[in-house]
PDB file of N, CA and C in Angstrom:
ATOM      1  N   MET A   1       0.890  -1.379  -0.082  1.00  0.00           N
ATOM      2  CA  MET A   1      -0.175   0.210  -0.114  1.00  0.00           C
ATOM      3  C   MET A   1       0.738   1.442   0.147  1.00  0.00           C
ATOM      4  N   ILE A   2       2.020   1.114   0.578  1.00  0.00           N
ATOM      5  CA  ILE A   2       3.016   2.040   0.616  1.00  0.00           C
ATOM      6  C   ILE A   2       3.467   2.623  -0.744  1.00  0.00           C
ATOM      7  N   VAL A   3       3.511   1.481  -1.547  1.00  0.00           N
ATOM      8  CA  VAL A   3       4.034   1.652  -2.912  1.00  0.00           C
ATOM      9  C   VAL A   3       3.073   2.258  -3.943  1.00  0.00           C
ATOM     10  N   LEU A   4       1.840   2.022  -3.698  1.00  0.00           N
ATOM     11  CA  LEU A   4       0.728   2.749  -4.574  1.00  0.00           C
ATOM     12  C   LEU A   4       0.326   3.833  -3.779  1.00  0.00           C
ATOM     13  N   ALA A   5       0.575   4.159  -2.755  1.00  0.00           N
ATOM     14  CA  ALA A   5       0.061   5.695  -2.116  1.00  0.00           C
ATOM     15  C   ALA A   5       1.603   6.683  -2.559  1.00  0.00           C
ATOM     16  N   GLY A   6       2.822   5.991  -2.832  1.00  0.00           N
ATOM     17  CA  GLY A   6       4.024   6.920  -3.299  1.00  0.00           C
ATOM     18  C   GLY A   6       3.724   7.203  -4.688  1.00  0.00           C
ATOM     19  N   PHE A   7       3.367   5.971  -5.505  1.00  0.00           N
ATOM     20  CA  PHE A   7       2.606   6.080  -6.893  1.00  0.00           C
ATOM     21  C   PHE A   7       1.820   7.563  -7.043  1.00  0.00           C
ATOM     22  N   VAL A   8       0.529   7.434  -6.324  1.00  0.00           N
ATOM     23  CA  VAL A   8      -0.442   8.365  -6.539  1.00  0.00           C
ATOM     24  C   VAL A   8       0.086   9.953  -6.438  1.00  0.00           C
ATOM     25  N   ILE A   9       0.936   9.707  -5.174  1.00  0.00           N
ATOM     26  CA  ILE A   9       1.542  11.126  -4.983  1.00  0.00           C
ATOM     27  C   ILE A   9       2.320  11.707  -5.423  1.00  0.00           C
ATOM     28  N   GLY A  10       3.021  10.582  -6.321  1.00  0.00           N
ATOM     29  CA  GLY A  10       4.193  11.325  -7.394  1.00  0.00           C
ATOM     30  C   GLY A  10       3.383  11.808  -8.745  1.00  0.00           C
ATOM     31  N   VAL A  11       2.419  11.014  -9.135  1.00  0.00           N
ATOM     32  CA  VAL A  11       1.407  11.223  -9.929  1.00  0.00           C
ATOM     33  C   VAL A  11       0.844  12.722  -9.754  1.00  0.00           C
ATOM     34  N   LEU A  12       0.451  12.754  -9.056  1.00  0.00           N
ATOM     35  CA  LEU A  12      -0.291  14.121  -8.506  1.00  0.00           C
ATOM     36  C   LEU A  12       0.474  15.457  -8.384  1.00  0.00           C
ATOM     37  N   TRP A  13       1.969  15.342  -7.810  1.00  0.00           N
ATOM     38  CA  TRP A  13       2.884  16.127  -7.805  1.00  0.00           C
ATOM     39  C   TRP A  13       3.352  16.484  -9.045  1.00  0.00           C
ATOM     40  N   GLY A  14       3.535  15.476  -9.732  1.00  0.00           N
ATOM     41  CA  GLY A  14       4.227  15.606 -11.176  1.00  0.00           C
ATOM     42  C   GLY A  14       3.513  16.412 -12.243  1.00  0.00           C
ATOM     43  N   GLY A  15       2.191  16.044 -12.277  1.00  0.00           N
ATOM     44  CA  GLY A  15       1.081  16.611 -12.821  1.00  0.00           C
ATOM     45  C   GLY A  15       0.929  18.418 -12.248  1.00  0.00           C
ATOM     46  N   PHE A  16       0.914  18.334 -11.405  1.00  0.00           N
ATOM     47  CA  PHE A  16       0.672  19.868 -10.664  1.00  0.00           C
ATOM     48  C   PHE A  16       2.037  20.620 -11.318  1.00  0.00           C
ATOM     49  N   LEU A  17       3.168  20.024 -10.968  1.00  0.00           N
ATOM     50  CA  LEU A  17       4.295  20.736 -11.435  1.00  0.00           C
ATOM     51  C   LEU A  17       4.214  21.033 -12.799  1.00  0.00           C
ATOM     52  N   ALA A  18       3.991  20.003 -13.507  1.00  0.00           N
ATOM     53  CA  ALA A  18       4.238  20.415 -15.065  1.00  0.00           C
ATOM     54  C   ALA A  18       3.015  21.302 -15.501  1.00  0.00           C
ATOM     55  N   ARG A  19       2.012  21.498 -14.848  1.00  0.00           N
ATOM     56  CA  ARG A  19       0.843  22.446 -15.284  1.00  0.00           C
ATOM     57  C   ARG A  19       1.034  23.762 -14.733  1.00  0.00           C
ATOM     58  N   ARG A  20       1.890  23.893 -13.632  1.00  0.00           N
ATOM     59  CA  ARG A  20       2.288  25.122 -13.020  1.00  0.00           C
ATOM     60  C   ARG A  20       3.525  25.674 -14.007  1.00  0.00           C
ATOM     61  N   ARG A  21       4.316  24.768 -14.595  1.00  0.00           N
ATOM     62  CA  ARG A  21       5.348  25.254 -15.814  1.00  0.00           C
ATOM     63  C   ARG A  21       4.633  25.534 -17.080  1.00  0.00           C
ATOM     64  N   ARG A  22       3.443  25.432 -17.213  1.00  0.00           N
ATOM     65  CA  ARG A  22       2.937  25.626 -18.231  1.00  0.00           C
ATOM     66  C   ARG A  22       2.918  24.703 -19.612  1.00  0.00           C
ATOM     67  N   GLY A  23       3.071  23.599 -18.889  1.00  0.00           N
ATOM     68  CA  GLY A  23       3.443  22.584 -19.998  1.00  0.00           C
ATOM     69  C   GLY A  23       2.030  22.067 -20.629  1.00  0.00           C
ATOM     70  N   ASN A  24       2.105  21.370 -22.072  1.00  0.00           N
ATOM     71  CA  ASN A  24       0.884  20.824 -22.595  1.00  0.00           C
ATOM     72  C   ASN A  24       0.610  19.485 -22.012  1.00  0.00           C
ATOM     73  N   ARG A  25      -0.213  18.984 -22.873  1.00  0.00           N
ATOM     74  CA  ARG A  25      -0.924  17.442 -22.149  1.00  0.00           C
ATOM     75  C   ARG A  25       0.447  16.454 -22.011  1.00  0.00           C
ATOM     76  N   PHE A  26       1.137  16.380 -22.968  1.00  0.00           N
ATOM     77  CA  PHE A  26       2.294  15.463 -23.234  1.00  0.00           C
ATOM     78  C   PHE A  26       3.432  15.825 -22.013  1.00  0.00           C
ATOM     79  N   ASP A  27       3.600  16.905 -21.726  1.00  0.00           N
ATOM     80  CA  ASP A  27       4.448  17.441 -20.986  1.00  0.00           C
ATOM     81  C   ASP A  27       3.958  16.934 -19.478  1.00  0.00           C
ATOM     82  N   ILE A  28       2.561  17.047 -19.153  1.00  0.00           N
ATOM     83  CA  ILE A  28       1.845  16.978 -18.036  1.00  0.00           C
ATOM     84  C   ILE A  28       2.063  15.232 -17.766  1.00  0.00           C
ATOM     85  N   ALA A  29       1.884  14.269 -18.780  1.00  0.00           N
ATOM     86  CA  ALA A  29       1.931  13.234 -18.586  1.00  0.00           C
ATOM     87  C   ALA A  29       2.935  12.668 -18.335  1.00  0.00           C
ATOM     88  N   GLN A  30       4.230  13.255 -19.172  1.00  0.00           N
ATOM     89  CA  GLN A  30       5.583  12.711 -18.981  1.00  0.00           C
ATOM     90  C   GLN A  30       5.675  12.976 -17.425  1.00  0.00           C
ATOM     91  N   TYR A  31       5.556  14.343 -16.781  1.00  0.00           N
ATOM     92  CA  TYR A  31       6.046  14.409 -15.757  1.00  0.00           C
ATOM     93  C   TYR A  31       5.193  13.849 -14.647  1.00  0.00           C
ATOM     94  N   ALA A  32       4.099  13.555 -14.781  1.00  0.00           N
ATOM     95  CA  ALA A  32       3.286  12.574 -13.839  1.00  0.00           C
ATOM     96  C   ALA A  32       3.731  11.313 -13.798  1.00  0.00           C
ATOM     97  N   LEU A  33       4.124  10.649 -15.082  1.00  0.00           N
ATOM     98  CA  LEU A  33       4.520   9.603 -15.213  1.00  0.00           C
ATOM     99  C   LEU A  33       5.776   9.272 -14.424  1.00  0.00           C
ATOM    100  N   SER A  34       6.909   9.958 -14.558  1.00  0.00           N
ATOM    101  CA  SER A  34       8.273   9.543 -14.362  1.00  0.00           C
ATOM    102  C   SER A  34       8.259  10.514 -12.917  1.00  0.00           C
ATOM    103  N   PHE A  35       7.565  11.293 -12.301  1.00  0.00           N
ATOM    104  CA  PHE A  35       7.297  11.667 -10.692  1.00  0.00           C
ATOM    105  C   PHE A  35       6.761  10.168  -9.930  1.00  0.00           C
ATOM    106  N   GLY A  36       5.715   9.660 -10.674  1.00  0.00           N
ATOM    107  CA  GLY A  36       4.968   8.543 -10.068  1.00  0.00           C
ATOM    108  C   GLY A  36       5.856   7.594  -9.897  1.00  0.00           C
ATOM    109  N   ILE A  37       6.843   6.987 -11.019  1.00  0.00           N
ATOM    110  CA  ILE A  37       7.881   6.066 -11.081  1.00  0.00           C
ATOM    111  C   ILE A  37       8.805   6.440  -9.796  1.00  0.00           C
ATOM    112  N   ALA A  38       9.084   7.512  -9.964  1.00  0.00           N
ATOM    113  CA  ALA A  38      10.332   7.586  -8.807  1.00  0.00           C
ATOM    114  C   ALA A  38       9.811   7.678  -7.459  1.00  0.00           C
ATOM    115  N   PHE A  39       8.581   8.447  -7.127  1.00  0.00           N
ATOM    116  CA  PHE A  39       8.263   8.211  -5.647  1.00  0.00           C
ATOM    117  C   PHE A  39       7.677   6.467  -5.281  1.00  0.00           C
ATOM    118  N   SER A  40       7.322   5.919  -6.408  1.00  0.00           N
ATOM    119  CA  SER A  40       6.972   4.639  -5.965  1.00  0.00           C
ATOM    120  C   SER A  40       8.129   3.928  -5.756  1.00  0.00           C
ATOM    121  N   LEU A  41       9.468   4.154  -6.286  1.00  0.00           N
ATOM    122  CA  LEU A  41      10.587   3.532  -5.933  1.00  0.00           C
ATOM    123  C   LEU A  41      11.089   3.984  -4.549  1.00  0.00           C
ATOM    124  N   VAL A  42      10.949   5.094  -4.190  1.00  0.00           N
ATOM    125  CA  VAL A  42      11.217   5.539  -2.989  1.00  0.00           C
ATOM    126  C   VAL A  42      10.335   4.947  -1.821  1.00  0.00           C
ATOM    127  N   ALA A  43       9.281   4.779  -2.057  1.00  0.00           N
ATOM    128  CA  ALA A  43       8.240   4.168  -1.112  1.00  0.00           C
ATOM    129  C   ALA A  43       8.698   2.655  -1.269  1.00  0.00           C
ATOM    130  N   LEU A  44       8.987   1.853  -2.239  1.00  0.00           N
ATOM    131  CA  LEU A  44       9.520   0.467  -1.977  1.00  0.00           C
ATOM    132  C   LEU A  44      10.638   0.503  -1.532  1.00  0.00           C
ATOM    133  N   PHE A  45      11.541   1.265  -1.317  1.00  0.00           N
ATOM    134  CA  PHE A  45      12.757   1.291  -0.513  1.00  0.00           C
ATOM    135  C   PHE A  45      12.317   1.379   0.954  1.00  0.00           C
ATOM    136  N   LEU A  46      11.684   2.347   1.156  1.00  0.00           N
ATOM    137  CA  LEU A  46      10.781   2.838   2.705  1.00  0.00           C
ATOM    138  C   LEU A  46      10.161   1.500   3.109  1.00  0.00           C
ATOM    139  N   ALA A  47       9.239   0.955   2.599  1.00  0.00           N
ATOM    140  CA  ALA A  47       8.595  -0.320   2.602  1.00  0.00           C
ATOM    141  C   ALA A  47       9.583  -1.312   3.122  1.00  0.00           C
ATOM    142  N   ILE A  48      10.726  -1.721   2.261  1.00  0.00           N
ATOM    143  CA  ILE A  48      11.621  -2.733   2.316  1.00  0.00           C
ATOM    144  C   ILE A  48      12.137  -2.721   4.023  1.00  0.00           C
ATOM    145  N   PHE A  49      12.634  -1.303   4.238  1.00  0.00           N
ATOM    146  CA  PHE A  49      13.534  -1.078   5.579  1.00  0.00           C
ATOM    147  C   PHE A  49      12.460  -1.069   6.425  1.00  0.00           C
ATOM    148  N   ILE A  50      11.062  -0.589   6.591  1.00  0.00           N
ATOM    149  CA  ILE A  50      10.359  -0.695   7.493  1.00  0.00           C
ATOM    150  C   ILE A  50       9.926  -2.288   7.672  1.00  0.00           C
ATOM    151  N   ASP A  51       9.892  -2.999   6.824  1.00  0.00           N
ATOM    152  CA  ASP A  51       9.783  -4.587   6.969  1.00  0.00           C
ATOM    153  C   ASP A  51      10.877  -5.059   7.580  1.00  0.00           C
ATOM    154  N   ARG A  52      12.096  -4.754   7.191  1.00  0.00           N
ATOM    155  CA  ARG A  52      13.400  -5.248   7.981  1.00  0.00           C
ATOM    156  C   ARG A  52      13.713  -5.081   9.466  1.00  0.00           C
ATOM    157  N   MET A  53      12.980  -3.622   9.706  1.00  0.00           N
ATOM    158  CA  MET A  53      13.160  -3.096  10.975  1.00  0.00           C
ATOM    159  C   MET A  53      12.240  -3.801  12.124  1.00  0.00           C
ATOM    160  N   SER A  54      11.070  -4.490  11.660  1.00  0.00           N
ATOM    161  CA  SER A  54      10.205  -5.268  12.382  1.00  0.00           C
ATOM    162  C   SER A  54      10.308  -6.759  12.367  1.00  0.00           C
TER     163      SER A  54
END
């Protein structure tokens, strides 16, 4: 669930950032997908760390 939440937060953040920078819809989609992947990777490592600690 942490990974999915990270992906959703990344997509929202990337879409907002691209829209604020006045990108077209392809820019918004690219930012949203790349931020979603990046945030989900960070969340994956966080989930693994949490699992190893307990």
